[in-house]
């Protein structure tokens, strides 16, 4: 009788551990640090390639970081590339900083066409709109596998 209780209890514990592992968030497989600088704003952070399971898929890349403004008259935007129409690249802005101060940024994104890891860029200008045009930028390309 006692061994039956122990086996049943062991089965319940094993099932709980299995459910806990299945419900856990996806862990980062590889993480790369980056640092970008342009016109009075510095951006730094991590570029993580995520692993997911079929039951709970997540976008394969998570980019987190901080923008630090040093110049009172300059603005910057941080952007990530995404696949556009006809195999072109479009840039999505996921953070901006004007003047002195700090801004935390975070985005999740997917592969570009042909399995390319999306690059990240920090662009500067006198206004956010001018920075978003992307004429004065520092680019981070993640390492190839």
N, C-alpha and C. Protein backbone atom coordinates (compact mmCIF):
# COMPACT_ATOMS: atom_id res chain seq x y z
N UNK A 1 0.83 -1.19 0.00
CA UNK A 1 0.00 0.00 0.00
C UNK A 1 0.88 1.26 0.00
N UNK A 2 1.91 1.24 0.84
CA UNK A 2 2.78 2.40 0.94
C UNK A 2 3.50 2.65 -0.39
N UNK A 3 3.97 1.61 -1.08
CA UNK A 3 4.66 1.80 -2.35
C UNK A 3 3.72 2.35 -3.41
N UNK A 4 2.47 1.97 -3.38
CA UNK A 4 1.49 2.50 -4.33
C UNK A 4 1.31 4.01 -4.12
N UNK A 5 1.26 4.44 -2.86
CA UNK A 5 1.12 5.87 -2.55
C UNK A 5 2.37 6.63 -3.03
N UNK A 6 3.55 6.04 -2.78
CA UNK A 6 4.78 6.70 -3.22
C UNK A 6 4.85 6.82 -4.74
N UNK A 7 4.45 5.77 -5.44
CA UNK A 7 4.46 5.83 -6.91
C UNK A 7 3.48 6.87 -7.42
N UNK A 8 2.29 6.92 -6.83
CA UNK A 8 1.29 7.90 -7.26
C UNK A 8 1.78 9.32 -6.99
N UNK A 9 2.36 9.52 -5.82
CA UNK A 9 2.89 10.84 -5.48
C UNK A 9 4.05 11.22 -6.41
N UNK A 10 4.90 10.26 -6.71
CA UNK A 10 6.00 10.51 -7.64
C UNK A 10 5.48 10.87 -9.02
N UNK A 11 4.42 10.22 -9.47
CA UNK A 11 3.82 10.54 -10.77
C UNK A 11 3.25 11.94 -10.81
N UNK A 12 2.61 12.35 -9.72
CA UNK A 12 2.05 13.70 -9.64
C UNK A 12 3.17 14.74 -9.66
N UNK A 13 4.25 14.50 -8.93
CA UNK A 13 5.38 15.42 -8.91
C UNK A 13 6.02 15.50 -10.29
N UNK A 14 6.21 14.38 -10.95
CA UNK A 14 6.80 14.38 -12.29
C UNK A 14 5.92 15.12 -13.28
N UNK A 15 4.61 14.93 -13.18
CA UNK A 15 3.69 15.64 -14.08
C UNK A 15 3.75 17.14 -13.83
N UNK A 16 3.84 17.55 -12.57
CA UNK A 16 3.94 18.97 -12.25
C UNK A 16 5.22 19.59 -12.79
N UNK A 17 6.32 18.87 -12.67
CA UNK A 17 7.58 19.36 -13.22
C UNK A 17 7.49 19.48 -14.73
N UNK A 18 6.89 18.50 -15.38
CA UNK A 18 6.73 18.54 -16.84
C UNK A 18 5.89 19.72 -17.28
N UNK A 19 4.81 19.99 -16.55
CA UNK A 19 3.98 21.14 -16.89
C UNK A 19 4.73 22.45 -16.64
N UNK A 20 5.52 22.51 -15.59
CA UNK A 20 6.30 23.71 -15.30
C UNK A 20 7.31 24.01 -16.39
N UNK A 21 7.96 22.98 -16.91
CA UNK A 21 8.93 23.17 -18.00
C UNK A 21 8.22 23.61 -19.26
N UNK A 22 7.07 23.00 -19.56
CA UNK A 22 6.33 23.36 -20.77
C UNK A 22 5.80 24.79 -20.70
N UNK A 23 5.46 25.26 -19.52
CA UNK A 23 4.90 26.60 -19.37
C UNK A 23 5.97 27.68 -19.22
N UNK A 24 7.21 27.29 -19.06
CA UNK A 24 8.28 28.27 -18.88
C UNK A 24 8.48 29.07 -20.16
N UNK A 25 8.86 30.34 -20.04
CA UNK A 25 9.12 31.13 -21.25
C UNK A 25 10.33 30.60 -22.00
N UNK A 26 10.38 30.95 -23.27
CA UNK A 26 11.48 30.50 -24.11
C UNK A 26 12.79 31.10 -23.62
N UNK A 27 13.83 30.32 -23.64
CA UNK A 27 15.15 30.77 -23.18
C UNK A 27 15.97 31.26 -24.38
N UNK A 28 16.85 32.18 -24.12
CA UNK A 28 17.70 32.70 -25.19
C UNK A 28 18.77 31.69 -25.54
N UNK A 29 18.90 31.41 -26.82
CA UNK A 29 19.92 30.48 -27.28
C UNK A 29 21.25 31.19 -27.41
N UNK A 30 21.26 32.33 -28.07
CA UNK A 30 22.49 33.11 -28.22
C UNK A 30 22.18 34.58 -27.99
N UNK A 31 23.09 35.26 -27.34
CA UNK A 31 22.93 36.68 -27.06
C UNK A 31 24.20 37.41 -27.46
N UNK A 32 24.03 38.54 -28.15
CA UNK A 32 25.15 39.37 -28.58
C UNK A 32 24.91 40.78 -28.07
N UNK A 33 25.93 41.41 -27.52
CA UNK A 33 25.83 42.80 -27.09
C UNK A 33 26.17 43.72 -28.26
N UNK A 34 25.52 44.89 -28.29
CA UNK A 34 25.83 45.87 -29.33
C UNK A 34 25.94 47.26 -28.72
N UNK A 35 26.64 48.13 -29.43
CA UNK A 35 26.78 49.54 -29.04
C UNK A 35 26.78 50.37 -30.32
N UNK A 36 25.88 51.36 -30.36
CA UNK A 36 25.75 52.23 -31.52
C UNK A 36 25.85 53.68 -31.04
N UNK A 37 26.35 54.56 -31.91
CA UNK A 37 26.50 55.96 -31.54
C UNK A 37 26.27 56.84 -32.75
N UNK A 38 25.51 57.93 -32.55
CA UNK A 38 25.31 58.91 -33.60
C UNK A 38 24.82 60.22 -33.00
N UNK A 39 25.35 61.30 -33.44
CA UNK A 39 24.93 62.68 -33.15
C UNK A 39 24.41 62.90 -31.73
N UNK A 40 25.23 62.65 -30.74
CA UNK A 40 24.86 62.96 -29.37
C UNK A 40 24.02 61.93 -28.66
N UNK A 41 23.73 60.80 -29.28
CA UNK A 41 22.96 59.73 -28.65
C UNK A 41 23.72 58.42 -28.80
N UNK A 42 23.79 57.67 -27.71
CA UNK A 42 24.43 56.36 -27.71
C UNK A 42 23.36 55.31 -27.40
N UNK A 43 23.40 54.22 -28.14
CA UNK A 43 22.50 53.11 -27.88
C UNK A 43 23.30 51.86 -27.59
N UNK A 44 22.89 51.13 -26.56
CA UNK A 44 23.57 49.87 -26.26
C UNK A 44 22.53 48.89 -25.74
N UNK A 45 22.81 47.60 -25.93
CA UNK A 45 21.86 46.60 -25.48
C UNK A 45 22.26 45.20 -25.91
N UNK A 46 21.26 44.33 -25.96
CA UNK A 46 21.49 42.93 -26.32
C UNK A 46 20.58 42.54 -27.48
N UNK A 47 21.11 41.65 -28.28
CA UNK A 47 20.41 41.10 -29.44
C UNK A 47 20.36 39.60 -29.18
N UNK A 48 19.20 39.07 -28.82
CA UNK A 48 19.08 37.66 -28.43
C UNK A 48 18.27 36.88 -29.45
N UNK A 49 18.80 35.72 -29.81
CA UNK A 49 18.06 34.79 -30.66
C UNK A 49 17.34 33.84 -29.73
N UNK A 50 16.01 33.81 -29.82
CA UNK A 50 15.19 33.04 -28.90
C UNK A 50 14.89 31.65 -29.46
N UNK A 51 14.70 30.73 -28.54
CA UNK A 51 14.24 29.39 -28.92
C UNK A 51 12.78 29.31 -28.50
N UNK A 52 11.95 28.66 -29.28
CA UNK A 52 10.55 28.53 -28.91
C UNK A 52 10.13 27.08 -29.06
N UNK A 53 9.00 26.77 -28.50
CA UNK A 53 8.45 25.44 -28.69
C UNK A 53 7.18 25.56 -29.53
N UNK A 54 6.76 24.49 -30.20
CA UNK A 54 5.62 24.59 -31.12
C UNK A 54 4.32 25.00 -30.44
N UNK A 55 4.17 24.70 -29.15
CA UNK A 55 2.92 25.06 -28.46
C UNK A 55 2.84 26.55 -28.18
N UNK A 56 3.98 27.18 -27.96
CA UNK A 56 4.01 28.61 -27.65
C UNK A 56 5.09 29.29 -28.47
N UNK A 57 4.86 29.49 -29.75
CA UNK A 57 5.90 30.12 -30.59
C UNK A 57 6.12 31.58 -30.20
N UNK A 58 7.36 32.02 -30.30
CA UNK A 58 7.72 33.41 -30.07
C UNK A 58 8.53 33.89 -31.27
N UNK A 59 8.53 35.20 -31.54
CA UNK A 59 9.41 35.69 -32.61
C UNK A 59 10.85 35.31 -32.28
N UNK A 60 11.63 34.99 -33.27
CA UNK A 60 12.96 34.45 -33.01
C UNK A 60 13.99 35.43 -32.46
N UNK A 61 13.74 36.75 -32.49
CA UNK A 61 14.74 37.70 -32.02
C UNK A 61 14.13 38.70 -31.05
N UNK A 62 14.86 38.99 -29.96
CA UNK A 62 14.44 40.00 -29.00
C UNK A 62 15.60 40.98 -28.85
N UNK A 63 15.31 42.26 -29.08
CA UNK A 63 16.32 43.32 -28.99
C UNK A 63 15.90 44.23 -27.84
N UNK A 64 16.77 44.37 -26.85
CA UNK A 64 16.49 45.25 -25.71
C UNK A 64 17.70 46.14 -25.49
N UNK A 65 17.46 47.33 -24.97
CA UNK A 65 18.58 48.21 -24.72
C UNK A 65 18.15 49.55 -24.16
N UNK A 66 19.09 50.48 -24.20
CA UNK A 66 18.89 51.82 -23.67
C UNK A 66 19.48 52.84 -24.63
N UNK A 67 18.75 53.92 -24.85
CA UNK A 67 19.26 55.07 -25.59
C UNK A 67 19.61 56.14 -24.57
N UNK A 68 20.82 56.71 -24.69
CA UNK A 68 21.27 57.74 -23.77
C UNK A 68 21.61 58.99 -24.58
N UNK A 69 20.85 60.07 -24.32
CA UNK A 69 21.08 61.34 -25.01
C UNK A 69 22.05 62.21 -24.26
N UNK A 70 23.00 62.83 -24.99
CA UNK A 70 23.98 63.72 -24.38
C UNK A 70 23.84 65.15 -24.88
N UNK A 71 23.35 65.35 -26.08
CA UNK A 71 23.24 66.68 -26.68
C UNK A 71 21.83 67.22 -26.49
N UNK A 72 21.69 68.48 -26.05
CA UNK A 72 20.35 69.03 -25.85
C UNK A 72 19.61 69.34 -27.15
N UNK A 73 20.31 69.33 -28.28
CA UNK A 73 19.69 69.75 -29.53
C UNK A 73 19.57 68.64 -30.56
N UNK A 74 19.86 67.40 -30.20
CA UNK A 74 19.85 66.31 -31.18
C UNK A 74 18.84 65.24 -30.77
N UNK A 75 18.31 64.55 -31.79
CA UNK A 75 17.38 63.44 -31.59
C UNK A 75 17.92 62.21 -32.30
N UNK A 76 17.46 61.05 -31.88
CA UNK A 76 17.85 59.81 -32.53
C UNK A 76 16.71 58.81 -32.45
N UNK A 77 16.67 57.91 -33.41
CA UNK A 77 15.71 56.80 -33.40
C UNK A 77 16.49 55.51 -33.57
N UNK A 78 15.99 54.45 -32.95
CA UNK A 78 16.57 53.13 -33.15
C UNK A 78 15.56 52.32 -33.94
N UNK A 79 16.05 51.64 -34.97
CA UNK A 79 15.18 50.94 -35.91
C UNK A 79 15.67 49.53 -36.16
N UNK A 80 14.75 48.65 -36.52
CA UNK A 80 15.08 47.28 -36.89
C UNK A 80 14.54 47.04 -38.31
N UNK A 81 15.29 46.28 -39.09
CA UNK A 81 14.89 46.01 -40.47
C UNK A 81 13.81 44.94 -40.50
N UNK A 82 12.92 45.05 -41.48
CA UNK A 82 11.93 44.01 -41.73
C UNK A 82 11.76 43.88 -43.24
N UNK A 83 11.28 42.74 -43.66
CA UNK A 83 11.09 42.50 -45.09
C UNK A 83 9.96 43.37 -45.61
N UNK A 84 10.24 44.05 -46.70
CA UNK A 84 9.24 44.90 -47.33
C UNK A 84 8.75 44.26 -48.61
N UNK A 85 7.97 44.97 -49.37
CA UNK A 85 7.48 44.43 -50.64
C UNK A 85 8.63 44.23 -51.64
N UNK A 86 8.47 43.25 -52.45
CA UNK A 86 9.44 42.89 -53.51
C UNK A 86 10.87 42.77 -53.00
N UNK A 87 11.05 42.02 -51.94
CA UNK A 87 12.37 41.74 -51.36
C UNK A 87 13.15 42.98 -50.96
N UNK A 88 12.44 44.05 -50.63
CA UNK A 88 13.11 45.25 -50.14
C UNK A 88 13.17 45.23 -48.62
N UNK A 89 13.90 46.15 -48.04
CA UNK A 89 14.01 46.26 -46.59
C UNK A 89 13.35 47.55 -46.15
N UNK A 90 12.53 47.46 -45.11
CA UNK A 90 11.92 48.62 -44.50
C UNK A 90 12.41 48.70 -43.07
N UNK A 91 12.47 49.91 -42.52
CA UNK A 91 12.97 50.11 -41.17
C UNK A 91 11.83 50.52 -40.26
N UNK A 92 11.63 49.76 -39.19
CA UNK A 92 10.61 50.06 -38.18
C UNK A 92 11.27 50.70 -36.97
N UNK A 93 10.75 51.86 -36.57
CA UNK A 93 11.27 52.56 -35.40
C UNK A 93 10.66 51.95 -34.14
N UNK A 94 11.51 51.58 -33.17
CA UNK A 94 10.98 51.05 -31.91
C UNK A 94 11.46 51.82 -30.69
N UNK A 95 12.16 52.93 -30.92
CA UNK A 95 12.56 53.79 -29.82
C UNK A 95 13.08 55.12 -30.33
N UNK A 96 12.95 56.17 -29.49
CA UNK A 96 13.45 57.50 -29.86
C UNK A 96 13.90 58.22 -28.61
N UNK A 97 14.86 59.13 -28.82
CA UNK A 97 15.40 59.93 -27.72
C UNK A 97 15.75 61.31 -28.25
N UNK A 98 15.25 62.35 -27.59
CA UNK A 98 15.60 63.73 -27.92
C UNK A 98 16.15 64.39 -26.67
N UNK A 99 17.28 65.08 -26.83
CA UNK A 99 17.88 65.78 -25.71
C UNK A 99 18.52 64.84 -24.70
N UNK A 100 18.99 65.40 -23.59
CA UNK A 100 19.61 64.59 -22.55
C UNK A 100 18.59 63.68 -21.88
N UNK A 101 19.03 62.51 -21.48
CA UNK A 101 18.15 61.57 -20.79
C UNK A 101 18.34 60.15 -21.28
N UNK A 102 17.49 59.26 -20.77
CA UNK A 102 17.57 57.83 -21.10
C UNK A 102 16.20 57.32 -21.53
N UNK A 103 16.20 56.39 -22.46
CA UNK A 103 14.98 55.71 -22.89
C UNK A 103 15.28 54.22 -23.03
N UNK A 104 14.49 53.39 -22.38
CA UNK A 104 14.63 51.94 -22.55
C UNK A 104 13.83 51.52 -23.77
N UNK A 105 14.38 50.57 -24.54
CA UNK A 105 13.74 50.11 -25.76
C UNK A 105 13.69 48.58 -25.76
N UNK A 106 12.67 48.05 -26.45
CA UNK A 106 12.52 46.60 -26.56
C UNK A 106 11.64 46.29 -27.76
N UNK A 107 12.04 45.27 -28.53
CA UNK A 107 11.23 44.84 -29.66
C UNK A 107 11.50 43.36 -29.91
N UNK A 108 10.50 42.67 -30.43
CA UNK A 108 10.67 41.29 -30.90
C UNK A 108 10.42 41.30 -32.40
N UNK A 109 11.22 40.56 -33.14
CA UNK A 109 11.12 40.59 -34.59
C UNK A 109 11.46 39.23 -35.18
N UNK A 110 11.23 39.08 -36.47
CA UNK A 110 11.45 37.82 -37.16
C UNK A 110 12.55 37.96 -38.20
N UNK A 111 12.91 36.82 -38.81
CA UNK A 111 13.90 36.80 -39.87
C UNK A 111 13.46 37.66 -41.05
N UNK A 112 14.43 38.20 -41.77
CA UNK A 112 14.15 38.82 -43.06
C UNK A 112 14.01 37.71 -44.10
N UNK A 113 13.71 38.08 -45.32
CA UNK A 113 13.61 37.09 -46.39
C UNK A 113 14.94 36.33 -46.50
N UNK A 114 14.86 35.10 -46.94
CA UNK A 114 16.01 34.20 -47.12
C UNK A 114 16.72 33.89 -45.81
N UNK A 115 16.04 34.01 -44.68
CA UNK A 115 16.61 33.63 -43.39
C UNK A 115 17.70 34.53 -42.86
N UNK A 116 17.70 35.81 -43.24
CA UNK A 116 18.71 36.76 -42.79
C UNK A 116 18.29 37.35 -41.44
N UNK A 117 19.23 37.44 -40.51
CA UNK A 117 18.95 38.08 -39.23
C UNK A 117 18.78 39.58 -39.45
N UNK A 118 17.74 40.20 -38.87
CA UNK A 118 17.51 41.63 -39.12
C UNK A 118 18.54 42.52 -38.42
N UNK A 119 19.14 43.46 -39.15
CA UNK A 119 20.07 44.40 -38.53
C UNK A 119 19.33 45.48 -37.73
N UNK A 120 20.07 46.18 -36.89
CA UNK A 120 19.55 47.27 -36.07
C UNK A 120 20.38 48.51 -36.39
N UNK A 121 19.72 49.68 -36.46
CA UNK A 121 20.47 50.90 -36.69
C UNK A 121 19.98 52.01 -35.78
N UNK A 122 20.90 52.92 -35.46
CA UNK A 122 20.62 54.11 -34.68
C UNK A 122 20.90 55.30 -35.59
N UNK A 123 19.87 56.12 -35.83
CA UNK A 123 19.99 57.24 -36.76
C UNK A 123 19.74 58.55 -36.01
N UNK A 124 20.50 59.59 -36.36
CA UNK A 124 20.39 60.87 -35.69
C UNK A 124 19.95 61.99 -36.61
N UNK A 125 19.49 63.07 -35.99
CA UNK A 125 19.08 64.27 -36.71
C UNK A 125 18.66 65.35 -35.73
N UNK A 126 18.25 66.49 -36.28
CA UNK A 126 17.80 67.60 -35.43
C UNK A 126 16.41 67.34 -34.87
N UNK A 127 15.61 66.55 -35.59
CA UNK A 127 14.26 66.18 -35.13
C UNK A 127 14.09 64.67 -35.27
N UNK A 128 13.04 64.14 -34.68
CA UNK A 128 12.76 62.71 -34.80
C UNK A 128 12.46 62.36 -36.25
N UNK A 129 11.71 63.21 -36.94
CA UNK A 129 11.38 62.94 -38.35
C UNK A 129 12.63 62.91 -39.22
N UNK A 130 13.56 63.82 -38.98
CA UNK A 130 14.80 63.84 -39.75
C UNK A 130 15.64 62.60 -39.43
N UNK A 131 15.68 62.20 -38.17
CA UNK A 131 16.43 61.00 -37.80
C UNK A 131 15.82 59.75 -38.42
N UNK A 132 14.49 59.69 -38.48
CA UNK A 132 13.81 58.51 -39.02
C UNK A 132 14.06 58.32 -40.52
N UNK A 133 14.47 59.38 -41.22
CA UNK A 133 14.79 59.24 -42.65
C UNK A 133 16.02 58.39 -42.89
N UNK A 134 16.90 58.29 -41.89
CA UNK A 134 18.03 57.38 -41.97
C UNK A 134 19.20 57.84 -42.80
N UNK A 135 19.56 59.12 -42.72
CA UNK A 135 20.71 59.59 -43.50
C UNK A 135 22.01 59.56 -42.71
N UNK A 136 21.95 59.68 -41.38
CA UNK A 136 23.14 59.64 -40.53
C UNK A 136 22.95 58.53 -39.51
N UNK A 137 23.48 57.33 -39.82
CA UNK A 137 23.18 56.14 -39.00
C UNK A 137 24.43 55.34 -38.66
N UNK A 138 24.33 54.61 -37.57
CA UNK A 138 25.31 53.61 -37.17
C UNK A 138 24.57 52.27 -37.21
N UNK A 139 25.16 51.27 -37.86
CA UNK A 139 24.47 50.01 -38.13
C UNK A 139 25.11 48.86 -37.37
N UNK A 140 24.26 48.00 -36.78
CA UNK A 140 24.72 46.75 -36.16
C UNK A 140 24.16 45.58 -36.96
N UNK A 141 25.06 44.76 -37.47
CA UNK A 141 24.67 43.52 -38.16
C UNK A 141 25.01 42.35 -37.25
N UNK A 142 24.01 41.55 -36.87
CA UNK A 142 24.29 40.42 -35.99
C UNK A 142 25.20 39.41 -36.67
N UNK A 143 26.02 38.71 -35.90
CA UNK A 143 26.92 37.73 -36.51
C UNK A 143 26.16 36.59 -37.17
N UNK A 144 26.68 36.09 -38.27
CA UNK A 144 26.06 34.97 -38.96
C UNK A 144 26.31 33.70 -38.17
N UNK A 145 25.45 32.74 -38.36
CA UNK A 145 25.58 31.46 -37.63
C UNK A 145 26.63 30.58 -38.24
